[in-house]
Amino acid sequence: VVGWAKDLKREQVTQAMVPGKEAVIKGGWYWEADPEATKHVVSRFLTADQADEALPAAQYHVSLLDGVGDRRALARMKEALAKAGYSDVELAGPADQMERDHTEIIAQTADTAGAQALAATLGVGQVTVASTGVMGTDFTVIMGRDWLKP
């Protein structure tokens, strides 16, 4: 595996979070996988099968991070998503990095169809498949300056 992986470039590697929730079992912290949702991730991600259609907006859990330092604009983004049917949206605070030019949509569970639908709703957003967003969400949106433009 090491010989094969040494020639991979960062952009050729993707990761996804197994859907689930935090659990404390006998005093230890664990990630408890959701078996049904995990089947969908495996189907989409490991077998390279892509979902043709996104789920209804209300079925997604979305976290919003402020990547430009404008909390009012982030609240407007949440309102826009609510109007489009995204009912489970949380304001998760500031992003680790500020001064972002472009909005990033992180598809935690490799649901690229859902992420593309979210980008279309917002009118901005570069989709990334990774497990680097807010834990327990389907998508993490990091707002960039492109959202601020009229």
Protein backbone atom coordinates (compact mmCIF):
# COMPACT_ATOMS: atom_id res chain seq x y z
CA VAL A 1 0.00 0.00 0.00
CA VAL A 2 2.81 2.42 0.87
CA GLY A 3 4.42 1.99 -2.54
CA TRP A 4 1.12 2.70 -4.27
CA ALA A 5 0.18 5.65 -2.03
CA LYS A 6 3.52 7.46 -2.27
CA ASP A 7 2.66 8.78 -5.74
CA LEU A 8 -0.78 10.11 -4.79
CA LYS A 9 -1.32 13.84 -4.76
CA ARG A 10 -3.42 15.52 -2.07
CA GLU A 11 -6.19 16.37 -4.54
CA GLN A 12 -6.51 12.67 -5.43
CA VAL A 13 -7.36 11.72 -1.84
CA THR A 14 -10.80 12.21 -0.32
CA GLN A 15 -12.29 11.21 2.98
CA ALA A 16 -15.75 10.98 4.43
CA MET A 17 -17.09 10.72 7.94
CA VAL A 18 -19.13 7.68 8.86
CA PRO A 19 -22.53 9.09 9.86
CA GLY A 20 -23.45 8.69 13.50
CA LYS A 21 -23.36 10.41 16.85
CA GLU A 22 -21.15 10.84 19.88
CA ALA A 23 -21.62 8.28 22.64
CA VAL A 24 -20.08 7.75 26.06
CA ILE A 25 -19.81 4.05 26.87
CA LYS A 26 -18.34 2.95 30.21
CA GLY A 27 -16.64 6.32 30.60
CA GLY A 28 -15.03 6.33 27.15
CA TRP A 29 -15.90 8.59 24.23
CA TYR A 30 -16.90 6.79 21.04
CA TRP A 31 -18.35 7.58 17.65
CA GLU A 32 -21.44 5.39 17.25
CA ALA A 33 -22.07 4.70 13.56
CA ASP A 34 -25.56 4.85 12.06
CA PRO A 35 -25.69 1.54 10.13
CA GLU A 36 -28.24 2.60 7.49
CA ALA A 37 -26.60 5.95 6.76
CA THR A 38 -23.19 4.25 6.66
CA LYS A 39 -24.43 1.91 3.91
CA HIS A 40 -25.21 4.98 1.79
CA VAL A 41 -21.75 6.46 2.39
CA VAL A 42 -20.07 3.20 1.45
CA SER A 43 -22.19 2.94 -1.68
CA ARG A 44 -21.43 6.53 -2.75
CA PHE A 45 -17.86 6.82 -1.60
CA LEU A 46 -16.01 3.52 -1.65
CA THR A 47 -17.64 2.12 -4.77
CA ALA A 48 -17.49 5.50 -6.53
CA ASP A 49 -21.25 5.38 -7.10
CA GLN A 50 -22.71 8.87 -7.04
CA ALA A 51 -26.27 9.60 -6.05
CA ASP A 52 -28.24 10.97 -8.98
CA GLU A 53 -30.48 13.10 -6.82
CA ALA A 54 -30.19 14.98 -3.58
CA LEU A 55 -32.48 14.23 -0.69
CA PRO A 56 -35.16 16.79 0.21
CA ALA A 57 -33.52 19.84 1.81
CA ALA A 58 -35.26 19.29 5.15
CA GLN A 59 -33.46 15.95 5.59
CA TYR A 60 -30.01 17.53 5.76
CA HIS A 61 -28.19 18.88 8.82
CA VAL A 62 -26.11 21.89 7.77
CA SER A 63 -23.61 23.90 9.81
CA LEU A 64 -22.54 27.39 8.77
CA LEU A 65 -19.13 28.85 9.57
CA ASP A 66 -18.19 32.50 9.07
CA GLY A 67 -15.08 32.74 6.91
CA VAL A 68 -15.08 36.52 6.46
CA GLY A 69 -15.99 38.01 9.86
CA ASP A 70 -19.56 39.08 9.02
CA ARG A 71 -22.07 37.46 11.38
CA ARG A 72 -25.00 39.33 9.81
CA ALA A 73 -24.18 37.91 6.39
CA LEU A 74 -24.00 34.44 7.94
CA ALA A 75 -27.47 34.97 9.46
CA ARG A 76 -28.73 36.01 6.00
CA MET A 77 -27.29 32.80 4.59
CA LYS A 78 -29.20 30.82 7.22
CA GLU A 79 -32.40 32.67 6.31
CA ALA A 80 -31.88 31.93 2.60
CA LEU A 81 -31.45 28.25 3.35
CA ALA A 82 -34.55 28.20 5.57
CA LYS A 83 -36.59 29.74 2.72
CA ALA A 84 -35.31 26.95 0.45
CA GLY A 85 -36.50 24.26 2.87
CA TYR A 86 -33.32 23.58 4.86
CA SER A 87 -34.84 23.38 8.33
CA ASP A 88 -31.87 21.94 10.26
CA VAL A 89 -29.26 24.68 9.92
CA GLU A 90 -27.01 25.87 12.72
CA LEU A 91 -24.71 28.87 13.03
CA ALA A 92 -21.51 27.19 14.20
CA GLY A 93 -19.36 30.31 14.69
CA PRO A 94 -16.20 31.56 13.01
CA ALA A 95 -14.09 29.44 10.67
CA ASP A 96 -10.50 28.57 11.56
CA GLN A 97 -9.32 30.79 8.71
CA MET A 98 -10.78 34.19 7.88
CA GLU A 99 -10.58 36.27 4.71
CA ARG A 100 -11.89 33.49 2.47
CA ASP A 101 -12.62 34.57 -1.08
CA HIS A 102 -14.80 31.58 -1.96
CA THR A 103 -17.52 29.74 -0.10
CA GLU A 104 -16.68 26.09 0.55
CA ILE A 105 -19.26 23.34 1.01
CA ILE A 106 -17.81 20.32 2.78
CA ALA A 107 -19.75 17.12 2.10
CA GLN A 108 -19.03 15.17 5.28
CA THR A 109 -20.69 11.96 4.09
CA ALA A 110 -19.65 12.15 0.41
CA ASP A 111 -23.15 13.21 -0.70
CA THR A 112 -22.02 15.24 -3.70
CA ALA A 113 -25.52 15.50 -5.16
CA GLY A 114 -26.76 17.08 -1.93
CA ALA A 115 -23.75 19.38 -1.77
CA GLN A 116 -24.27 20.51 -5.37
CA ALA A 117 -27.95 21.19 -4.60
CA LEU A 118 -26.88 23.26 -1.60
CA ALA A 119 -24.41 25.21 -3.76
CA ALA A 120 -27.14 25.82 -6.34
CA THR A 121 -29.46 27.11 -3.62
CA LEU A 122 -26.82 29.54 -2.38
CA GLY A 123 -25.62 30.50 -5.83
CA VAL A 124 -22.02 30.04 -4.62
CA GLY A 125 -19.87 27.30 -3.20
CA GLN A 126 -17.06 24.97 -4.15
CA VAL A 127 -17.86 21.40 -3.11
CA THR A 128 -15.26 19.35 -1.25
CA VAL A 129 -15.69 15.78 -0.02
CA ALA A 130 -13.93 15.54 3.34
CA SER A 131 -14.50 14.77 6.98
CA THR A 132 -13.10 18.10 8.13
CA GLY A 133 -16.33 19.98 8.79
CA VAL A 134 -18.48 20.19 11.90
CA MET A 135 -18.98 16.71 13.38
CA GLY A 136 -22.41 15.18 13.08
CA THR A 137 -23.48 17.26 10.09
CA ASP A 138 -24.12 16.35 6.49
CA PHE A 139 -22.60 19.58 5.18
CA THR A 140 -20.47 22.37 6.58
CA VAL A 141 -20.64 25.64 4.66
CA ILE A 142 -17.74 28.03 5.18
CA MET A 143 -18.96 31.41 3.96
CA GLY A 144 -16.59 33.33 1.70
CA ARG A 145 -16.62 36.82 0.22
CA ASP A 146 -18.42 35.56 -2.88
CA TRP A 147 -21.61 35.29 -0.74
CA LEU A 148 -21.34 39.01 0.10
CA LYS A 149 -21.47 40.12 -3.53
CA PRO A 150 -24.89 41.25 -4.81
